[in-house]
PDB file of N, CA and C in Angstrom:
ATOM      1  N   MET A   1     -19.929   9.835 -91.513  1.00  0.00           N
ATOM      2  CA  MET A   1     -21.212   9.172 -91.363  1.00  0.00           C
ATOM      3  C   MET A   1     -21.741   9.445 -89.963  1.00  0.00           C
ATOM      4  N   ARG A   2     -23.044   9.687 -89.912  1.00  0.00           N
ATOM      5  CA  ARG A   2     -23.742   9.832 -88.645  1.00  0.00           C
ATOM      6  C   ARG A   2     -24.842   8.775 -88.605  1.00  0.00           C
ATOM      7  N   VAL A   3     -25.022   8.167 -87.447  1.00  0.00           N
ATOM      8  CA  VAL A   3     -26.002   7.100 -87.292  1.00  0.00           C
ATOM      9  C   VAL A   3     -26.986   7.491 -86.199  1.00  0.00           C
ATOM     10  N   THR A   4     -28.268   7.358 -86.504  1.00  0.00           N
ATOM     11  CA  THR A   4     -29.309   7.560 -85.505  1.00  0.00           C
ATOM     12  C   THR A   4     -30.289   6.396 -85.592  1.00  0.00           C
ATOM     13  N   ALA A   5     -31.071   6.225 -84.557  1.00  0.00           N
ATOM     14  CA  ALA A   5     -32.077   5.171 -84.552  1.00  0.00           C
ATOM     15  C   ALA A   5     -33.299   5.655 -83.798  1.00  0.00           C
ATOM     16  N   ASN A   6     -34.458   5.237 -84.256  1.00  0.00           N
ATOM     17  CA  ASN A   6     -35.717   5.614 -83.639  1.00  0.00           C
ATOM     18  C   ASN A   6     -36.225   4.435 -82.809  1.00  0.00           C
ATOM     19  N   SER A   7     -36.087   4.533 -81.506  1.00  0.00           N
ATOM     20  CA  SER A   7     -36.527   3.437 -80.636  1.00  0.00           C
ATOM     21  C   SER A   7     -38.043   3.316 -80.603  1.00  0.00           C
ATOM     22  N   GLU A   8     -38.769   4.368 -80.984  1.00  0.00           N
ATOM     23  CA  GLU A   8     -40.230   4.319 -80.987  1.00  0.00           C
ATOM     24  C   GLU A   8     -40.775   3.408 -82.078  1.00  0.00           C
ATOM     25  N   THR A   9     -40.004   3.216 -83.160  1.00  0.00           N
ATOM     26  CA  THR A   9     -40.465   2.345 -84.243  1.00  0.00           C
ATOM     27  C   THR A   9     -39.729   1.010 -84.261  1.00  0.00           C
ATOM     28  N   CYS A  10     -38.791   0.824 -83.361  1.00  0.00           N
ATOM     29  CA  CYS A  10     -37.989  -0.405 -83.298  1.00  0.00           C
ATOM     30  C   CYS A  10     -38.871  -1.618 -83.026  1.00  0.00           C
ATOM     31  N   ALA A  11     -38.638  -2.694 -83.779  1.00  0.00           N
ATOM     32  CA  ALA A  11     -39.405  -3.930 -83.624  1.00  0.00           C
ATOM     33  C   ALA A  11     -38.665  -4.975 -82.789  1.00  0.00           C
ATOM     34  N   VAL A  12     -37.530  -4.606 -82.206  1.00  0.00           N
ATOM     35  CA  VAL A  12     -36.752  -5.475 -81.330  1.00  0.00           C
ATOM     36  C   VAL A  12     -36.291  -6.740 -82.068  1.00  0.00           C
ATOM     37  N   SER A  13     -35.930  -6.605 -83.326  1.00  0.00           N
ATOM     38  CA  SER A  13     -35.451  -7.769 -84.084  1.00  0.00           C
ATOM     39  C   SER A  13     -33.996  -8.098 -83.745  1.00  0.00           C
ATOM     40  N   SER A  14     -33.257  -7.131 -83.252  1.00  0.00           N
ATOM     41  CA  SER A  14     -31.858  -7.283 -82.828  1.00  0.00           C
ATOM     42  C   SER A  14     -30.879  -7.483 -83.976  1.00  0.00           C
ATOM     43  N   LEU A  15     -31.336  -7.401 -85.210  1.00  0.00           N
ATOM     44  CA  LEU A  15     -30.439  -7.612 -86.349  1.00  0.00           C
ATOM     45  C   LEU A  15     -29.293  -6.610 -86.361  1.00  0.00           C
ATOM     46  N   CYS A  16     -29.568  -5.368 -86.030  1.00  0.00           N
ATOM     47  CA  CYS A  16     -28.516  -4.350 -86.029  1.00  0.00           C
ATOM     48  C   CYS A  16     -27.456  -4.658 -84.976  1.00  0.00           C
ATOM     49  N   VAL A  17     -27.891  -5.130 -83.822  1.00  0.00           N
ATOM     50  CA  VAL A  17     -26.965  -5.457 -82.730  1.00  0.00           C
ATOM     51  C   VAL A  17     -26.063  -6.618 -83.125  1.00  0.00           C
ATOM     52  N   TYR A  18     -26.631  -7.616 -83.781  1.00  0.00           N
ATOM     53  CA  TYR A  18     -25.835  -8.762 -84.218  1.00  0.00           C
ATOM     54  C   TYR A  18     -24.852  -8.368 -85.315  1.00  0.00           C
ATOM     55  N   ARG A  19     -25.262  -7.450 -86.201  1.00  0.00           N
ATOM     56  CA  ARG A  19     -24.416  -7.069 -87.318  1.00  0.00           C
ATOM     57  C   ARG A  19     -23.272  -6.149 -86.882  1.00  0.00           C
ATOM     58  N   VAL A  20     -23.559  -5.156 -86.029  1.00  0.00           N
ATOM     59  CA  VAL A  20     -22.533  -4.179 -85.620  1.00  0.00           C
ATOM     60  C   VAL A  20     -22.677  -3.888 -84.122  1.00  0.00           C
ATOM     61  N   PRO A  21     -22.242  -4.824 -83.276  1.00  0.00           N
ATOM     62  CA  PRO A  21     -22.433  -4.666 -81.833  1.00  0.00           C
ATOM     63  C   PRO A  21     -21.697  -3.486 -81.210  1.00  0.00           C
ATOM     64  N   GLY A  22     -20.666  -2.988 -81.824  1.00  0.00           N
ATOM     65  CA  GLY A  22     -19.963  -1.831 -81.280  1.00  0.00           C
ATOM     66  C   GLY A  22     -20.673  -0.524 -81.545  1.00  0.00           C
ATOM     67  N   VAL A  23     -21.657  -0.552 -82.440  1.00  0.00           N
ATOM     68  CA  VAL A  23     -22.404   0.654 -82.798  1.00  0.00           C
ATOM     69  C   VAL A  23     -23.820   0.607 -82.232  1.00  0.00           C
ATOM     70  N   PHE A  24     -24.431  -0.583 -82.227  1.00  0.00           N
ATOM     71  CA  PHE A  24     -25.807  -0.728 -81.750  1.00  0.00           C
ATOM     72  C   PHE A  24     -25.883  -1.630 -80.525  1.00  0.00           C
ATOM     73  N   ASP A  25     -26.854  -1.324 -79.675  1.00  0.00           N
ATOM     74  CA  ASP A  25     -27.150  -2.160 -78.524  1.00  0.00           C
ATOM     75  C   ASP A  25     -28.647  -2.056 -78.276  1.00  0.00           C
ATOM     76  N   GLN A  26     -29.109  -2.669 -77.190  1.00  0.00           N
ATOM     77  CA  GLN A  26     -30.519  -2.623 -76.838  1.00  0.00           C
ATOM     78  C   GLN A  26     -30.665  -2.171 -75.395  1.00  0.00           C
ATOM     79  N   ASP A  27     -31.747  -1.435 -75.137  1.00  0.00           N
ATOM     80  CA  ASP A  27     -32.020  -1.033 -73.766  1.00  0.00           C
ATOM     81  C   ASP A  27     -32.701  -2.184 -73.020  1.00  0.00           C
ATOM     82  N   GLU A  28     -33.136  -1.947 -71.795  1.00  0.00           N
ATOM     83  CA  GLU A  28     -33.725  -3.008 -70.981  1.00  0.00           C
ATOM     84  C   GLU A  28     -35.025  -3.567 -71.578  1.00  0.00           C
ATOM     85  N   ASP A  29     -35.648  -2.822 -72.488  1.00  0.00           N
ATOM     86  CA  ASP A  29     -36.859  -3.294 -73.164  1.00  0.00           C
ATOM     87  C   ASP A  29     -36.555  -3.931 -74.518  1.00  0.00           C
ATOM     88  N   GLY A  30     -35.275  -3.970 -74.888  1.00  0.00           N
ATOM     89  CA  GLY A  30     -34.879  -4.553 -76.158  1.00  0.00           C
ATOM     90  C   GLY A  30     -34.865  -3.585 -77.314  1.00  0.00           C
ATOM     91  N   LEU A  31     -35.151  -2.320 -77.057  1.00  0.00           N
ATOM     92  CA  LEU A  31     -35.199  -1.317 -78.115  1.00  0.00           C
ATOM     93  C   LEU A  31     -33.798  -0.834 -78.480  1.00  0.00           C
ATOM     94  N   VAL A  32     -33.628  -0.469 -79.716  1.00  0.00           N
ATOM     95  CA  VAL A  32     -32.324  -0.086 -80.247  1.00  0.00           C
ATOM     96  C   VAL A  32     -31.739   1.140 -79.539  1.00  0.00           C
ATOM     97  N   LEU A  33     -30.442   1.059 -79.304  1.00  0.00           N
ATOM     98  CA  LEU A  33     -29.643   2.176 -78.803  1.00  0.00           C
ATOM     99  C   LEU A  33     -28.451   2.334 -79.740  1.00  0.00           C
ATOM    100  N   VAL A  34     -28.070   3.566 -80.007  1.00  0.00           N
ATOM    101  CA  VAL A  34     -26.866   3.820 -80.789  1.00  0.00           C
ATOM    102  C   VAL A  34     -25.743   4.120 -79.804  1.00  0.00           C
ATOM    103  N   LEU A  35     -24.725   3.272 -79.806  1.00  0.00           N
ATOM    104  CA  LEU A  35     -23.582   3.444 -78.905  1.00  0.00           C
ATOM    105  C   LEU A  35     -22.553   4.395 -79.481  1.00  0.00           C
ATOM    106  N   ASP A  36     -22.444   4.416 -80.806  1.00  0.00           N
ATOM    107  CA  ASP A  36     -21.429   5.239 -81.481  1.00  0.00           C
ATOM    108  C   ASP A  36     -22.064   5.882 -82.697  1.00  0.00           C
ATOM    109  N   ASP A  37     -22.446   7.161 -82.573  1.00  0.00           N
ATOM    110  CA  ASP A  37     -23.132   7.826 -83.681  1.00  0.00           C
ATOM    111  C   ASP A  37     -22.192   8.334 -84.771  1.00  0.00           C
ATOM    112  N   SER A  38     -20.889   8.258 -84.541  1.00  0.00           N
ATOM    113  CA  SER A  38     -19.873   8.631 -85.540  1.00  0.00           C
ATOM    114  C   SER A  38     -18.848   7.499 -85.629  1.00  0.00           C
ATOM    115  N   PRO A  39     -19.235   6.370 -86.200  1.00  0.00           N
ATOM    116  CA  PRO A  39     -18.368   5.184 -86.189  1.00  0.00           C
ATOM    117  C   PRO A  39     -17.170   5.283 -87.127  1.00  0.00           C
ATOM    118  N   ALA A  40     -16.234   4.380 -86.936  1.00  0.00           N
ATOM    119  CA  ALA A  40     -15.048   4.298 -87.789  1.00  0.00           C
ATOM    120  C   ALA A  40     -15.453   3.930 -89.212  1.00  0.00           C
ATOM    121  N   GLU A  41     -14.717   4.444 -90.167  1.00  0.00           N
ATOM    122  CA  GLU A  41     -15.007   4.202 -91.574  1.00  0.00           C
ATOM    123  C   GLU A  41     -15.008   2.709 -91.912  1.00  0.00           C
ATOM    124  N   SER A  42     -14.221   1.939 -91.218  1.00  0.00           N
ATOM    125  CA  SER A  42     -14.155   0.499 -91.482  1.00  0.00           C
ATOM    126  C   SER A  42     -15.496  -0.203 -91.214  1.00  0.00           C
ATOM    127  N   LEU A  43     -16.395   0.446 -90.478  1.00  0.00           N
ATOM    128  CA  LEU A  43     -17.694  -0.145 -90.159  1.00  0.00           C
ATOM    129  C   LEU A  43     -18.817   0.336 -91.076  1.00  0.00           C
ATOM    130  N   TYR A  44     -18.537   1.282 -91.953  1.00  0.00           N
ATOM    131  CA  TYR A  44     -19.589   1.912 -92.749  1.00  0.00           C
ATOM    132  C   TYR A  44     -20.449   0.914 -93.517  1.00  0.00           C
ATOM    133  N   GLU A  45     -19.848  -0.018 -94.203  1.00  0.00           N
ATOM    134  CA  GLU A  45     -20.642  -0.931 -95.033  1.00  0.00           C
ATOM    135  C   GLU A  45     -21.528  -1.817 -94.179  1.00  0.00           C
ATOM    136  N   GLU A  46     -21.026  -2.300 -93.050  1.00  0.00           N
ATOM    137  CA  GLU A  46     -21.856  -3.123 -92.165  1.00  0.00           C
ATOM    138  C   GLU A  46     -23.012  -2.304 -91.581  1.00  0.00           C
ATOM    139  N   ILE A  47     -22.762  -1.032 -91.288  1.00  0.00           N
ATOM    140  CA  ILE A  47     -23.821  -0.167 -90.767  1.00  0.00           C
ATOM    141  C   ILE A  47     -24.878   0.064 -91.838  1.00  0.00           C
ATOM    142  N   ARG A  48     -24.444   0.279 -93.068  1.00  0.00           N
ATOM    143  CA  ARG A  48     -25.403   0.430 -94.171  1.00  0.00           C
ATOM    144  C   ARG A  48     -26.254  -0.833 -94.327  1.00  0.00           C
ATOM    145  N   ARG A  49     -25.619  -1.992 -94.220  1.00  0.00           N
ATOM    146  CA  ARG A  49     -26.368  -3.261 -94.300  1.00  0.00           C
ATOM    147  C   ARG A  49     -27.364  -3.382 -93.151  1.00  0.00           C
ATOM    148  N   ALA A  50     -26.942  -2.979 -91.969  1.00  0.00           N
ATOM    149  CA  ALA A  50     -27.841  -3.028 -90.815  1.00  0.00           C
ATOM    150  C   ALA A  50     -29.043  -2.112 -91.042  1.00  0.00           C
ATOM    151  N   ALA A  51     -28.810  -0.927 -91.573  1.00  0.00           N
ATOM    152  CA  ALA A  51     -29.902   0.009 -91.837  1.00  0.00           C
ATOM    153  C   ALA A  51     -30.850  -0.550 -92.901  1.00  0.00           C
ATOM    154  N   ARG A  52     -30.292  -1.105 -93.970  1.00  0.00           N
ATOM    155  CA  ARG A  52     -31.134  -1.688 -95.031  1.00  0.00           C
ATOM    156  C   ARG A  52     -31.906  -2.902 -94.522  1.00  0.00           C
ATOM    157  N   GLY A  53     -31.328  -3.644 -93.574  1.00  0.00           N
ATOM    158  CA  GLY A  53     -31.956  -4.849 -93.061  1.00  0.00           C
ATOM    159  C   GLY A  53     -32.944  -4.625 -91.936  1.00  0.00           C
ATOM    160  N   CYS A  54     -32.999  -3.425 -91.422  1.00  0.00           N
ATOM    161  CA  CYS A  54     -33.923  -3.145 -90.313  1.00  0.00           C
ATOM    162  C   CYS A  54     -35.363  -3.281 -90.803  1.00  0.00           C
ATOM    163  N   PRO A  55     -36.148  -4.171 -90.203  1.00  0.00           N
ATOM    164  CA  PRO A  55     -37.506  -4.408 -90.687  1.00  0.00           C
ATOM    165  C   PRO A  55     -38.438  -3.207 -90.580  1.00  0.00           C
ATOM    166  N   THR A  56     -38.149  -2.290 -89.674  1.00  0.00           N
ATOM    167  CA  THR A  56     -38.994  -1.105 -89.511  1.00  0.00           C
ATOM    168  C   THR A  56     -38.321   0.170 -90.001  1.00  0.00           C
ATOM    169  N   LYS A  57     -37.139   0.016 -90.592  1.00  0.00           N
ATOM    170  CA  LYS A  57     -36.373   1.174 -91.099  1.00  0.00           C
ATOM    171  C   LYS A  57     -36.152   2.216 -89.992  1.00  0.00           C
ATOM    172  N   SER A  58     -35.866   1.719 -88.803  1.00  0.00           N
ATOM    173  CA  SER A  58     -35.654   2.591 -87.651  1.00  0.00           C
ATOM    174  C   SER A  58     -34.250   3.165 -87.573  1.00  0.00           C
ATOM    175  N   ILE A  59     -33.336   2.661 -88.387  1.00  0.00           N
ATOM    176  CA  ILE A  59     -31.954   3.142 -88.384  1.00  0.00           C
ATOM    177  C   ILE A  59     -31.773   4.120 -89.532  1.00  0.00           C
ATOM    178  N   ARG A  60     -31.182   5.260 -89.221  1.00  0.00           N
ATOM    179  CA  ARG A  60     -30.930   6.273 -90.241  1.00  0.00           C
ATOM    180  C   ARG A  60     -29.432   6.514 -90.333  1.00  0.00           C
ATOM    181  N   VAL A  61     -28.926   6.498 -91.568  1.00  0.00           N
ATOM    182  CA  VAL A  61     -27.519   6.755 -91.842  1.00  0.00           C
ATOM    183  C   VAL A  61     -27.440   8.037 -92.662  1.00  0.00           C
ATOM    184  N   VAL A  62     -26.670   8.994 -92.184  1.00  0.00           N
ATOM    185  CA  VAL A  62     -26.450  10.235 -92.912  1.00  0.00           C
ATOM    186  C   VAL A  62     -24.989  10.265 -93.314  1.00  0.00           C
ATOM    187  N   GLU A  63     -24.762  10.253 -94.609  1.00  0.00           N
ATOM    188  CA  GLU A  63     -23.396  10.270 -95.134  1.00  0.00           C
ATOM    189  C   GLU A  63     -22.800  11.660 -94.980  1.00  0.00           C
ATOM    190  N   ASP A  64     -21.474  11.722 -94.804  1.00  0.00           N
ATOM    191  CA  ASP A  64     -20.780  12.993 -94.637  1.00  0.00           C
ATOM    192  C   ASP A  64     -20.576  13.744 -95.939  1.00  0.00           C
ATOM    193  N   SER A  65     -20.569  13.026 -97.063  1.00  0.00           N
ATOM    194  CA  SER A  65     -20.268  13.676 -98.338  1.00  0.00           C
ATOM    195  C   SER A  65     -21.066  13.043 -99.461  1.00  0.00           C
ATOM    196  N   ALA A  66     -21.060  13.694-100.621  1.00  0.00           N
ATOM    197  CA  ALA A  66     -21.728  13.156-101.805  1.00  0.00           C
ATOM    198  C   ALA A  66     -21.062  11.857-102.244  1.00  0.00           C
ATOM    199  N   ALA A  67     -19.764  11.730-102.042  1.00  0.00           N
ATOM    200  CA  ALA A  67     -19.051  10.499-102.404  1.00  0.00           C
ATOM    201  C   ALA A  67     -19.574   9.329-101.585  1.00  0.00           C
ATOM    202  N   GLY A  68     -19.859   9.554-100.316  1.00  0.00           N
ATOM    203  CA  GLY A  68     -20.395   8.517 -99.462  1.00  0.00           C
ATOM    204  C   GLY A  68     -21.789   8.107 -99.885  1.00  0.00           C
ATOM    205  N   GLU A  69     -22.608   9.089-100.297  1.00  0.00           N
ATOM    206  CA  GLU A  69     -23.945   8.782-100.774  1.00  0.00           C
ATOM    207  C   GLU A  69     -23.883   7.944-102.034  1.00  0.00           C
ATOM    208  N   ALA A  70     -22.936   8.259-102.934  1.00  0.00           N
ATOM    209  CA  ALA A  70     -22.785   7.478-104.163  1.00  0.00           C
ATOM    210  C   ALA A  70     -22.361   6.055-103.830  1.00  0.00           C
ATOM    211  N   ALA A  71     -21.488   5.899-102.853  1.00  0.00           N
ATOM    212  CA  ALA A  71     -21.034   4.571-102.454  1.00  0.00           C
ATOM    213  C   ALA A  71     -22.187   3.776-101.858  1.00  0.00           C
ATOM    214  N   GLN A  72     -23.073   4.456-101.116  1.00  0.00           N
ATOM    215  CA  GLN A  72     -24.215   3.769-100.518  1.00  0.00           C
ATOM    216  C   GLN A  72     -25.204   3.348-101.601  1.00  0.00           C
ATOM    217  N   ALA A  73     -25.413   4.189-102.600  1.00  0.00           N
ATOM    218  CA  ALA A  73     -26.391   3.892-103.644  1.00  0.00           C
ATOM    219  C   ALA A  73     -25.886   2.822-104.611  1.00  0.00           C
ATOM    220  N   ALA A  74     -24.589   2.739-104.818  1.00  0.00           N
ATOM    221  CA  ALA A  74     -24.038   1.820-105.818  1.00  0.00           C
ATOM    222  C   ALA A  74     -24.424   0.366-105.609  1.00  0.00           C
ATOM    223  N   PRO A  75     -24.364  -0.200-104.400  1.00  0.00           N
ATOM    224  CA  PRO A  75     -24.723  -1.609-104.249  1.00  0.00           C
ATOM    225  C   PRO A  75     -26.191  -1.894-104.552  1.00  0.00           C
ATOM    226  N   ALA A  76     -27.069  -0.940-104.343  1.00  0.00           N
ATOM    227  CA  ALA A  76     -28.489  -1.182-104.559  1.00  0.00           C
ATOM    228  C   ALA A  76     -28.829  -1.318-106.036  1.00  0.00           C
ATOM    229  N   ALA A  77     -28.175  -0.560-106.895  1.00  0.00           N
ATOM    230  CA  ALA A  77     -28.514  -0.578-108.321  1.00  0.00           C
ATOM    231  C   ALA A  77     -28.317  -1.955-108.961  1.00  0.00           C
ATOM    232  N   PRO A  78     -27.182  -2.632-108.773  1.00  0.00           N
ATOM    233  CA  PRO A  78     -27.041  -3.962-109.380  1.00  0.00           C
ATOM    234  C   PRO A  78     -28.075  -4.956-108.874  1.00  0.00           C
ATOM    235  N   ALA A  79     -28.470  -4.867-107.620  1.00  0.00           N
ATOM    236  CA  ALA A  79     -29.458  -5.799-107.088  1.00  0.00           C
ATOM    237  C   ALA A  79     -30.789  -5.640-107.812  1.00  0.00           C
ATOM    238  N   VAL A  80     -31.172  -4.394-108.124  1.00  0.00           N
ATOM    239  CA  VAL A  80     -32.410  -4.151-108.848  1.00  0.00           C
ATOM    240  C   VAL A  80     -32.294  -4.692-110.255  1.00  0.00           C
ATOM    241  N   GLU A  81     -31.157  -4.436-110.911  1.00  0.00           N
ATOM    242  CA  GLU A  81     -30.948  -4.943-112.267  1.00  0.00           C
ATOM    243  C   GLU A  81     -30.984  -6.462-112.292  1.00  0.00           C
ATOM    244  N   THR A  82     -30.369  -7.088-111.306  1.00  0.00           N
ATOM    245  CA  THR A  82     -30.364  -8.546-111.224  1.00  0.00           C
ATOM    246  C   THR A  82     -31.789  -9.073-111.065  1.00  0.00           C
ATOM    247  N   ALA A  83     -32.577  -8.411-110.224  1.00  0.00           N
ATOM    248  CA  ALA A  83     -33.960  -8.836-110.025  1.00  0.00           C
ATOM    249  C   ALA A  83     -34.745  -8.700-111.314  1.00  0.00           C
ATOM    250  N   ASP A  84     -34.536  -7.600-112.073  1.00  0.00           N
ATOM    251  CA  ASP A  84     -35.218  -7.412-113.346  1.00  0.00           C
ATOM    252  C   ASP A  84     -34.810  -8.498-114.339  1.00  0.00           C
ATOM    253  N   ALA A  85     -33.520  -8.827-114.355  1.00  0.00           N
ATOM    254  CA  ALA A  85     -33.037  -9.846-115.280  1.00  0.00           C
ATOM    255  C   ALA A  85     -33.658 -11.208-114.939  1.00  0.00           C
ATOM    256  N   ALA A  86     -33.847 -11.465-113.664  1.00  0.00           N
ATOM    257  CA  ALA A  86     -34.412 -12.740-113.241  1.00  0.00           C
ATOM    258  C   ALA A  86     -35.876 -12.869-113.651  1.00  0.00           C
ATOM    259  N   THR A  87     -36.577 -11.741-113.793  1.00  0.00           N
ATOM    260  CA  THR A  87     -37.986 -11.779-114.192  1.00  0.00           C
ATOM    261  C   THR A  87     -38.148 -11.570-115.685  1.00  0.00           C
ATOM    262  N   GLY A  88     -37.040 -11.597-116.398  1.00  0.00           N
ATOM    263  CA  GLY A  88     -37.090 -11.430-117.845  1.00  0.00           C
ATOM    264  C   GLY A  88     -37.285  -9.997-118.266  1.00  0.00           C
ATOM    265  N   GLY A  89     -36.993  -9.064-117.346  1.00  0.00           N
ATOM    266  CA  GLY A  89     -37.095  -7.646-117.665  1.00  0.00           C
ATOM    267  C   GLY A  89     -38.522  -7.117-117.573  1.00  0.00           C
ATOM    268  N   ALA A  90     -39.463  -7.946-117.169  1.00  0.00           N
ATOM    269  CA  ALA A  90     -40.846  -7.493-117.039  1.00  0.00           C
ATOM    270  C   ALA A  90     -40.974  -6.576-115.849  1.00  0.00           C
ATOM    271  N   ALA A  91     -41.729  -5.511-116.054  1.00  0.00           N
ATOM    272  CA  ALA A  91     -41.907  -4.562-114.956  1.00  0.00           C
ATOM    273  C   ALA A  91     -43.289  -4.643-114.378  1.00  0.00           C
TER     274      ALA A  91
END
């Protein structure tokens, strides 16, 4: 996994820093900094959550393999199905 962040679009919400402080930090203006662009595998899921939770989508996660991409996509599918079920399947 490779992690990058765009400080030009950062909204200074600090959610990424709170979620994974060993990977993300903030500069003197509060904008996102990536401290570890190749983090340990044990942090992958929290980093994915941080990227999904970023209000400006300023965090980018690039998976190393197709297996990693499948793992990233898997949690999103049930959430969509659950939302559809809650609305009675109406689209």
